[in-house]
């Protein structure tokens, strides 16, 4: 099993904002990928932050970097994060939180001297097509299922459960639309049939976000390639240390 450190290991921090310390900590855990949530401020500078609203409830994209840092002093730009990540040589998955930022993030990725160390994911197909056209050397992972912007986790879980039986037959088309090499799938939508279909089409499957031993075991039993988690050490220990496979079952 391979592991993705979720949200720069900062999901519990205000705004979901990772720091240099949390990014470096993820590298020390020897993860296979580090996922970071990225949005743009008013001038188009990409920064690492999950939440769209600042503590004042002002939208991030309506504030410049100085104003953002007045409310969230720890926020890092992608350039600053890359300095930390280069030191640990951890491949990085950019989770694009707002499709309107696709152009700016794709330009940033296109300028990287190490495109094979980066990937971008989102559930918005047009944003992934922008990434494909502007930064073709950077991997694209399609996030599933897609939900309308602004909908919460509850709506996503409902969509995941509703589409669970339908996704396997749609994977080839969904990946081809954006030239995806992998799928980042809500764990509630993951089934053995989905993983088998993905593998038939040469696609890897990353399941998110698994923070319980039972969830990690189910995902491993389903056949996922990667598990996204906030608790890397704990989830690793929940799987068989000899071969990384689950001792439980995956229903569906």
C-alpha atoms as a PDB file:
ATOM      1  CA  UNK A   1       0.000   0.000   0.000  1.00  0.00           C
ATOM      2  CA  UNK A   2       1.124   3.540  -0.744  1.00  0.00           C
ATOM      3  CA  UNK A   3       0.232   6.570   1.348  1.00  0.00           C
ATOM      4  CA  UNK A   4      -0.818  10.173   0.779  1.00  0.00           C
ATOM      5  CA  UNK A   5      -0.540  12.681   3.623  1.00  0.00           C
ATOM      6  CA  UNK A   6      -3.820  14.582   3.525  1.00  0.00           C
ATOM      7  CA  UNK A   7      -3.899  18.406   3.380  1.00  0.00           C
ATOM      8  CA  UNK A   8      -0.258  18.849   4.335  1.00  0.00           C
ATOM      9  CA  UNK A   9      -1.137  17.146   7.648  1.00  0.00           C
ATOM     10  CA  UNK A  10      -2.933  20.362   8.591  1.00  0.00           C
ATOM     11  CA  UNK A  11      -6.590  19.355   8.455  1.00  0.00           C
ATOM     12  CA  UNK A  12      -6.982  20.179  12.142  1.00  0.00           C
ATOM     13  CA  UNK A  13      -5.423  23.640  11.875  1.00  0.00           C
ATOM     14  CA  UNK A  14      -7.483  26.840  11.466  1.00  0.00           C
ATOM     15  CA  UNK A  15      -8.461  27.203   7.825  1.00  0.00           C
ATOM     16  CA  UNK A  16      -6.702  23.951   6.971  1.00  0.00           C
ATOM     17  CA  UNK A  17      -3.483  25.927   6.557  1.00  0.00           C
ATOM     18  CA  UNK A  18      -0.272  23.851   6.643  1.00  0.00           C
ATOM     19  CA  UNK A  19       2.956  25.314   7.975  1.00  0.00           C
ATOM     20  CA  UNK A  20       6.573  24.639   7.118  1.00  0.00           C
ATOM     21  CA  UNK A  21       6.617  22.391  10.177  1.00  0.00           C
ATOM     22  CA  UNK A  22       3.651  20.252   9.121  1.00  0.00           C
ATOM     23  CA  UNK A  23       4.984  19.926   5.559  1.00  0.00           C
ATOM     24  CA  UNK A  24       8.397  18.870   6.825  1.00  0.00           C
ATOM     25  CA  UNK A  25       6.718  16.465   9.242  1.00  0.00           C
ATOM     26  CA  UNK A  26       4.904  14.764   6.389  1.00  0.00           C
ATOM     27  CA  UNK A  27       8.202  14.240   4.577  1.00  0.00           C
ATOM     28  CA  UNK A  28       9.692  12.629   7.687  1.00  0.00           C
ATOM     29  CA  UNK A  29       6.874  10.072   7.652  1.00  0.00           C
ATOM     30  CA  UNK A  30       8.162   8.884   4.270  1.00  0.00           C
ATOM     31  CA  UNK A  31       4.813   9.187   2.531  1.00  0.00           C
ATOM     32  CA  UNK A  32       4.539   8.465  -1.171  1.00  0.00           C
ATOM     33  CA  UNK A  33       2.628  11.686  -1.891  1.00  0.00           C
ATOM     34  CA  UNK A  34       1.825  14.830   0.002  1.00  0.00           C
ATOM     35  CA  UNK A  35      -1.529  16.394  -0.826  1.00  0.00           C
ATOM     36  CA  UNK A  36      -1.944  20.157  -0.408  1.00  0.00           C
ATOM     37  CA  UNK A  37      -5.080  22.273  -0.806  1.00  0.00           C
ATOM     38  CA  UNK A  38      -4.472  25.283  -3.034  1.00  0.00           C
ATOM     39  CA  UNK A  39      -6.418  28.476  -3.682  1.00  0.00           C
ATOM     40  CA  UNK A  40      -5.461  31.843  -5.172  1.00  0.00           C
ATOM     41  CA  UNK A  41      -5.497  35.255  -3.533  1.00  0.00           C
ATOM     42  CA  UNK A  42      -6.665  38.401  -5.338  1.00  0.00           C
ATOM     43  CA  UNK A  43      -3.585  38.826  -7.549  1.00  0.00           C
ATOM     44  CA  UNK A  44      -3.584  35.172  -8.626  1.00  0.00           C
ATOM     45  CA  UNK A  45      -0.832  33.994  -6.260  1.00  0.00           C
ATOM     46  CA  UNK A  46      -1.485  30.359  -5.282  1.00  0.00           C
ATOM     47  CA  UNK A  47      -1.440  29.715  -1.535  1.00  0.00           C
ATOM     48  CA  UNK A  48      -1.959  26.659   0.662  1.00  0.00           C
ATOM     49  CA  UNK A  49      -5.321  26.904   2.391  1.00  0.00           C
ATOM     50  CA  UNK A  50      -8.390  24.664   2.487  1.00  0.00           C
ATOM     51  CA  UNK A  51     -11.072  27.148   3.525  1.00  0.00           C
ATOM     52  CA  UNK A  52     -12.286  29.816   1.136  1.00  0.00           C
ATOM     53  CA  UNK A  53     -13.319  32.246   3.883  1.00  0.00           C
ATOM     54  CA  UNK A  54     -10.848  34.047   6.123  1.00  0.00           C
ATOM     55  CA  UNK A  55     -11.637  34.470   9.842  1.00  0.00           C
ATOM     56  CA  UNK A  56     -13.312  37.788   8.977  1.00  0.00           C
ATOM     57  CA  UNK A  57     -15.528  35.838   6.523  1.00  0.00           C
ATOM     58  CA  UNK A  58     -13.928  37.699   3.618  1.00  0.00           C
ATOM     59  CA  UNK A  59     -13.363  35.427   0.596  1.00  0.00           C
ATOM     60  CA  UNK A  60      -9.688  34.587   0.139  1.00  0.00           C
ATOM     61  CA  UNK A  61      -9.728  35.503  -3.542  1.00  0.00           C
ATOM     62  CA  UNK A  62     -10.835  39.051  -2.690  1.00  0.00           C
ATOM     63  CA  UNK A  63      -7.801  39.738  -0.467  1.00  0.00           C
ATOM     64  CA  UNK A  64      -4.173  40.312  -1.399  1.00  0.00           C
ATOM     65  CA  UNK A  65      -1.401  38.265   0.189  1.00  0.00           C
ATOM     66  CA  UNK A  66      -0.627  40.902   2.820  1.00  0.00           C
ATOM     67  CA  UNK A  67      -4.272  41.026   3.857  1.00  0.00           C
ATOM     68  CA  UNK A  68      -4.521  37.250   3.955  1.00  0.00           C
ATOM     69  CA  UNK A  69      -1.456  36.995   6.171  1.00  0.00           C
ATOM     70  CA  UNK A  70      -2.868  39.613   8.516  1.00  0.00           C
ATOM     71  CA  UNK A  71      -5.679  37.136   9.264  1.00  0.00           C
ATOM     72  CA  UNK A  72      -3.775  33.884   8.672  1.00  0.00           C
ATOM     73  CA  UNK A  73      -0.084  34.515   9.409  1.00  0.00           C
ATOM     74  CA  UNK A  74       0.961  30.928   8.661  1.00  0.00           C
ATOM     75  CA  UNK A  75      -0.315  30.795   5.093  1.00  0.00           C
ATOM     76  CA  UNK A  76       2.347  29.731   2.577  1.00  0.00           C
ATOM     77  CA  UNK A  77       2.563  30.478  -1.105  1.00  0.00           C
ATOM     78  CA  UNK A  78       3.170  27.573  -3.454  1.00  0.00           C
ATOM     79  CA  UNK A  79       6.689  28.908  -4.026  1.00  0.00           C
ATOM     80  CA  UNK A  80       7.387  28.807  -0.295  1.00  0.00           C
ATOM     81  CA  UNK A  81       5.901  25.345   0.059  1.00  0.00           C
ATOM     82  CA  UNK A  82       8.003  24.086  -2.853  1.00  0.00           C
ATOM     83  CA  UNK A  83      11.153  25.196  -1.036  1.00  0.00           C
ATOM     84  CA  UNK A  84      10.217  22.984   1.919  1.00  0.00           C
ATOM     85  CA  UNK A  85       9.101  20.056  -0.227  1.00  0.00           C
ATOM     86  CA  UNK A  86      12.214  20.104  -2.406  1.00  0.00           C
ATOM     87  CA  UNK A  87      14.264  19.465   0.703  1.00  0.00           C
ATOM     88  CA  UNK A  88      12.346  16.268   1.356  1.00  0.00           C
ATOM     89  CA  UNK A  89      11.821  15.336  -2.300  1.00  0.00           C
ATOM     90  CA  UNK A  90       8.195  14.353  -1.673  1.00  0.00           C
ATOM     91  CA  UNK A  91       5.942  14.130  -4.750  1.00  0.00           C
ATOM     92  CA  UNK A  92       3.114  16.611  -4.277  1.00  0.00           C
ATOM     93  CA  UNK A  93      -0.541  16.405  -5.263  1.00  0.00           C
ATOM     94  CA  UNK A  94      -2.130  19.836  -5.671  1.00  0.00           C
ATOM     95  CA  UNK A  95      -5.818  19.683  -4.784  1.00  0.00           C
ATOM     96  CA  UNK A  96      -7.328  22.613  -6.648  1.00  0.00           C
ATOM     97  CA  UNK A  97     -10.112  23.879  -4.397  1.00  0.00           C
ATOM     98  CA  UNK A  98     -11.594  26.459  -6.797  1.00  0.00           C
ATOM     99  CA  UNK A  99     -11.833  25.802 -10.537  1.00  0.00           C
ATOM    100  CA  UNK A 100     -11.496  29.541 -11.196  1.00  0.00           C
ATOM    101  CA  UNK A 101      -7.852  29.260 -10.094  1.00  0.00           C
ATOM    102  CA  UNK A 102      -6.975  26.626 -12.699  1.00  0.00           C
ATOM    103  CA  UNK A 103      -5.132  28.988 -15.056  1.00  0.00           C
ATOM    104  CA  UNK A 104      -2.919  30.472 -12.347  1.00  0.00           C
ATOM    105  CA  UNK A 105      -2.068  27.103 -10.799  1.00  0.00           C
ATOM    106  CA  UNK A 106      -1.427  25.515 -14.200  1.00  0.00           C
ATOM    107  CA  UNK A 107       0.968  28.343 -15.108  1.00  0.00           C
ATOM    108  CA  UNK A 108       2.814  27.773 -11.858  1.00  0.00           C
ATOM    109  CA  UNK A 109       3.067  24.038 -12.472  1.00  0.00           C
ATOM    110  CA  UNK A 110       4.186  24.558 -16.074  1.00  0.00           C
ATOM    111  CA  UNK A 111       7.144  26.613 -14.855  1.00  0.00           C
ATOM    112  CA  UNK A 112       8.401  23.899 -12.511  1.00  0.00           C
ATOM    113  CA  UNK A 113      11.725  22.256 -13.421  1.00  0.00           C
ATOM    114  CA  UNK A 114      10.494  18.994 -11.848  1.00  0.00           C
ATOM    115  CA  UNK A 115       7.034  18.334 -13.368  1.00  0.00           C
ATOM    116  CA  UNK A 116       7.217  14.615 -12.589  1.00  0.00           C
ATOM    117  CA  UNK A 117       7.206  15.491  -8.865  1.00  0.00           C
ATOM    118  CA  UNK A 118       3.807  17.162  -9.114  1.00  0.00           C
ATOM    119  CA  UNK A 119       0.219  16.206  -9.882  1.00  0.00           C
ATOM    120  CA  UNK A 120      -3.050  18.113  -9.817  1.00  0.00           C
ATOM    121  CA  UNK A 121      -6.490  16.884  -8.812  1.00  0.00           C
ATOM    122  CA  UNK A 122      -9.987  18.330  -8.822  1.00  0.00           C
ATOM    123  CA  UNK A 123     -13.497  17.145  -9.583  1.00  0.00           C
ATOM    124  CA  UNK A 124     -13.930  19.905 -12.193  1.00  0.00           C
ATOM    125  CA  UNK A 125     -13.198  18.491 -15.679  1.00  0.00           C
ATOM    126  CA  UNK A 126     -12.664  21.890 -17.306  1.00  0.00           C
ATOM    127  CA  UNK A 127     -10.040  22.799 -14.714  1.00  0.00           C
ATOM    128  CA  UNK A 128      -8.210  19.537 -15.459  1.00  0.00           C
ATOM    129  CA  UNK A 129      -8.350  20.279 -19.168  1.00  0.00           C
ATOM    130  CA  UNK A 130      -6.738  23.650 -18.456  1.00  0.00           C
ATOM    131  CA  UNK A 131      -3.993  21.823 -16.549  1.00  0.00           C
ATOM    132  CA  UNK A 132      -3.618  19.363 -19.436  1.00  0.00           C
ATOM    133  CA  UNK A 133      -3.192  22.160 -21.965  1.00  0.00           C
ATOM    134  CA  UNK A 134      -0.982  24.481 -19.878  1.00  0.00           C
ATOM    135  CA  UNK A 135       1.120  21.927 -17.985  1.00  0.00           C
ATOM    136  CA  UNK A 136       0.945  18.683 -19.970  1.00  0.00           C
ATOM    137  CA  UNK A 137       3.920  17.096 -18.183  1.00  0.00           C
ATOM    138  CA  UNK A 138       2.128  17.233 -14.819  1.00  0.00           C
ATOM    139  CA  UNK A 139      -0.075  14.267 -13.907  1.00  0.00           C
ATOM    140  CA  UNK A 140      -3.825  14.780 -13.652  1.00  0.00           C
ATOM    141  CA  UNK A 141      -5.919  12.871 -11.136  1.00  0.00           C
ATOM    142  CA  UNK A 142      -9.675  13.112 -11.473  1.00  0.00           C
ATOM    143  CA  UNK A 143     -11.531  13.457  -8.173  1.00  0.00           C
ATOM    144  CA  UNK A 144     -14.795  11.537  -7.854  1.00  0.00           C
ATOM    145  CA  UNK A 145     -17.631  12.013  -7.398  1.00  0.00           C
ATOM    146  CA  UNK A 146     -18.221  15.535  -8.635  1.00  0.00           C
ATOM    147  CA  UNK A 147     -20.490  17.798  -6.600  1.00  0.00           C
ATOM    148  CA  UNK A 148     -21.667  21.360  -7.180  1.00  0.00           C
ATOM    149  CA  UNK A 149     -19.316  24.077  -5.833  1.00  0.00           C
ATOM    150  CA  UNK A 150     -20.077  25.038  -2.259  1.00  0.00           C
ATOM    151  CA  UNK A 151     -21.759  21.782  -1.339  1.00  0.00           C
ATOM    152  CA  UNK A 152     -20.576  20.242   1.904  1.00  0.00           C
ATOM    153  CA  UNK A 153     -19.193  16.851   2.824  1.00  0.00           C
ATOM    154  CA  UNK A 154     -22.678  15.532   3.502  1.00  0.00           C
ATOM    155  CA  UNK A 155     -23.726  16.197  -0.081  1.00  0.00           C
ATOM    156  CA  UNK A 156     -20.537  14.575  -1.361  1.00  0.00           C
ATOM    157  CA  UNK A 157     -21.119  11.458   0.707  1.00  0.00           C
ATOM    158  CA  UNK A 158     -24.683  11.185  -0.573  1.00  0.00           C
ATOM    159  CA  UNK A 159     -23.404  11.515  -4.152  1.00  0.00           C
ATOM    160  CA  UNK A 160     -20.701   8.922  -3.504  1.00  0.00           C
ATOM    161  CA  UNK A 161     -23.192   6.379  -2.234  1.00  0.00           C
ATOM    162  CA  UNK A 162     -25.684   7.115  -5.010  1.00  0.00           C
ATOM    163  CA  UNK A 163     -23.087   6.733  -7.775  1.00  0.00           C
ATOM    164  CA  UNK A 164     -21.175   3.808  -6.293  1.00  0.00           C
ATOM    165  CA  UNK A 165     -22.705   1.196  -8.581  1.00  0.00           C
ATOM    166  CA  UNK A 166     -22.540   3.409 -11.676  1.00  0.00           C
ATOM    167  CA  UNK A 167     -18.950   4.646 -11.577  1.00  0.00           C
ATOM    168  CA  UNK A 168     -17.108   1.505 -12.738  1.00  0.00           C
ATOM    169  CA  UNK A 169     -18.719   1.629 -16.183  1.00  0.00           C
ATOM    170  CA  UNK A 170     -17.970   5.348 -16.519  1.00  0.00           C
ATOM    171  CA  UNK A 171     -14.318   5.410 -15.478  1.00  0.00           C
ATOM    172  CA  UNK A 172     -12.760   5.063 -18.924  1.00  0.00           C
ATOM    173  CA  UNK A 173     -14.718   8.037 -20.276  1.00  0.00           C
ATOM    174  CA  UNK A 174     -14.202  10.152 -17.155  1.00  0.00           C
ATOM    175  CA  UNK A 175     -10.439   9.627 -17.275  1.00  0.00           C
ATOM    176  CA  UNK A 176     -10.166  10.103 -21.047  1.00  0.00           C
ATOM    177  CA  UNK A 177     -11.986  13.443 -20.899  1.00  0.00           C
ATOM    178  CA  UNK A 178      -9.088  15.000 -19.020  1.00  0.00           C
ATOM    179  CA  UNK A 179      -6.187  12.645 -19.739  1.00  0.00           C
ATOM    180  CA  UNK A 180      -6.137  11.408 -16.138  1.00  0.00           C
ATOM    181  CA  UNK A 181      -3.667   8.773 -14.973  1.00  0.00           C
ATOM    182  CA  UNK A 182      -5.281   8.268 -11.580  1.00  0.00           C
ATOM    183  CA  UNK A 183      -8.562   8.685  -9.721  1.00  0.00           C
ATOM    184  CA  UNK A 184      -8.917  10.275  -6.317  1.00  0.00           C
ATOM    185  CA  UNK A 185     -12.134   8.750  -5.002  1.00  0.00           C
ATOM    186  CA  UNK A 186     -14.242   9.442  -1.936  1.00  0.00           C
ATOM    187  CA  UNK A 187     -13.933   6.219   0.068  1.00  0.00           C
ATOM    188  CA  UNK A 188     -17.732   5.924   0.206  1.00  0.00           C
ATOM    189  CA  UNK A 189     -17.731   5.399  -3.573  1.00  0.00           C
ATOM    190  CA  UNK A 190     -14.917   2.819  -3.614  1.00  0.00           C
ATOM    191  CA  UNK A 191     -15.842  -0.793  -4.420  1.00  0.00           C
ATOM    192  CA  UNK A 192     -13.915  -3.806  -5.700  1.00  0.00           C
ATOM    193  CA  UNK A 193     -15.668  -3.290  -9.058  1.00  0.00           C
ATOM    194  CA  UNK A 194     -14.435   0.290  -9.275  1.00  0.00           C
ATOM    195  CA  UNK A 195     -10.825  -0.689  -8.518  1.00  0.00           C
ATOM    196  CA  UNK A 196     -10.950  -3.585 -10.985  1.00  0.00           C
ATOM    197  CA  UNK A 197     -12.338  -1.334 -13.718  1.00  0.00           C
ATOM    198  CA  UNK A 198      -9.728   1.330 -13.027  1.00  0.00           C
ATOM    199  CA  UNK A 199      -6.902  -1.187 -13.217  1.00  0.00           C
ATOM    200  CA  UNK A 200      -8.233  -2.587 -16.500  1.00  0.00           C
ATOM    201  CA  UNK A 201      -7.872   0.900 -17.935  1.00  0.00           C
ATOM    202  CA  UNK A 202      -4.422   1.497 -16.455  1.00  0.00           C
ATOM    203  CA  UNK A 203      -5.646   3.906 -13.777  1.00  0.00           C
ATOM    204  CA  UNK A 204      -4.552   4.019 -10.162  1.00  0.00           C
ATOM    205  CA  UNK A 205      -7.071   4.598  -7.378  1.00  0.00           C
ATOM    206  CA  UNK A 206      -6.475   6.768  -4.320  1.00  0.00           C
ATOM    207  CA  UNK A 207      -9.145   6.573  -1.601  1.00  0.00           C
ATOM    208  CA  UNK A 208      -9.796   9.560   0.661  1.00  0.00           C
ATOM    209  CA  UNK A 209      -9.946  10.344   3.495  1.00  0.00           C
ATOM    210  CA  UNK A 210      -9.326   7.259   5.655  1.00  0.00           C
ATOM    211  CA  UNK A 211      -8.736   8.044   9.324  1.00  0.00           C
ATOM    212  CA  UNK A 212      -9.931   4.821  10.917  1.00  0.00           C
ATOM    213  CA  UNK A 213      -8.419   1.347  10.876  1.00  0.00           C
ATOM    214  CA  UNK A 214     -11.689  -0.109   9.616  1.00  0.00           C
ATOM    215  CA  UNK A 215     -11.780   2.313   6.678  1.00  0.00           C
ATOM    216  CA  UNK A 216      -8.152   1.622   5.753  1.00  0.00           C
ATOM    217  CA  UNK A 217      -8.715  -2.119   5.834  1.00  0.00           C
ATOM    218  CA  UNK A 218     -11.826  -1.856   3.671  1.00  0.00           C
ATOM    219  CA  UNK A 219     -10.030   0.258   1.097  1.00  0.00           C
ATOM    220  CA  UNK A 220      -7.090  -2.135   0.957  1.00  0.00           C
ATOM    221  CA  UNK A 221      -9.462  -5.073   0.559  1.00  0.00           C
ATOM    222  CA  UNK A 222     -11.189  -3.274  -2.308  1.00  0.00           C
ATOM    223  CA  UNK A 223      -7.866  -3.009  -4.131  1.00  0.00           C
ATOM    224  CA  UNK A 224      -6.993   0.686  -3.956  1.00  0.00           C
ATOM    225  CA  UNK A 225      -3.420   1.673  -4.765  1.00  0.00           C
ATOM    226  CA  UNK A 226      -3.124   4.596  -2.372  1.00  0.00           C
ATOM    227  CA  UNK A 227      -4.811   5.734   0.830  1.00  0.00           C
ATOM    228  CA  UNK A 228      -5.139   9.397   1.746  1.00  0.00           C
ATOM    229  CA  UNK A 229      -5.096  10.005   5.487  1.00  0.00           C
ATOM    230  CA  UNK A 230      -4.364  12.507   8.238  1.00  0.00           C
ATOM    231  CA  UNK A 231      -3.013   9.671  10.399  1.00  0.00           C
ATOM    232  CA  UNK A 232      -0.270   8.085   8.352  1.00  0.00           C
ATOM    233  CA  UNK A 233       1.457   6.125  11.110  1.00  0.00           C
ATOM    234  CA  UNK A 234      -1.771   4.818  12.615  1.00  0.00           C
ATOM    235  CA  UNK A 235      -3.239   3.744   9.284  1.00  0.00           C
ATOM    236  CA  UNK A 236      -0.020   2.026   8.260  1.00  0.00           C
ATOM    237  CA  UNK A 237      -0.073  -0.015  11.452  1.00  0.00           C
ATOM    238  CA  UNK A 238      -3.713  -0.993  10.829  1.00  0.00           C
ATOM    239  CA  UNK A 239      -2.667  -3.021   7.779  1.00  0.00           C
ATOM    240  CA  UNK A 240      -0.604  -6.179   7.767  1.00  0.00           C
ATOM    241  CA  UNK A 241       3.004  -4.983   8.208  1.00  0.00           C
ATOM    242  CA  UNK A 242       4.308  -7.868   6.091  1.00  0.00           C
ATOM    243  CA  UNK A 243       2.489  -7.143   2.849  1.00  0.00           C
ATOM    244  CA  UNK A 244       0.370  -4.044   3.454  1.00  0.00           C
ATOM    245  CA  UNK A 245      -2.886  -5.839   2.634  1.00  0.00           C
ATOM    246  CA  UNK A 246      -6.072  -5.820   4.620  1.00  0.00           C
ATOM    247  CA  UNK A 247      -7.284  -8.517   6.916  1.00  0.00           C
ATOM    248  CA  UNK A 248     -10.900  -7.473   6.469  1.00  0.00           C
ATOM    249  CA  UNK A 249     -13.404  -7.296   3.607  1.00  0.00           C
ATOM    250  CA  UNK A 250     -14.666  -4.668   1.245  1.00  0.00           C
ATOM    251  CA  UNK A 251     -18.374  -4.761   0.621  1.00  0.00           C
ATOM    252  CA  UNK A 252     -19.945  -3.575  -2.604  1.00  0.00           C
END
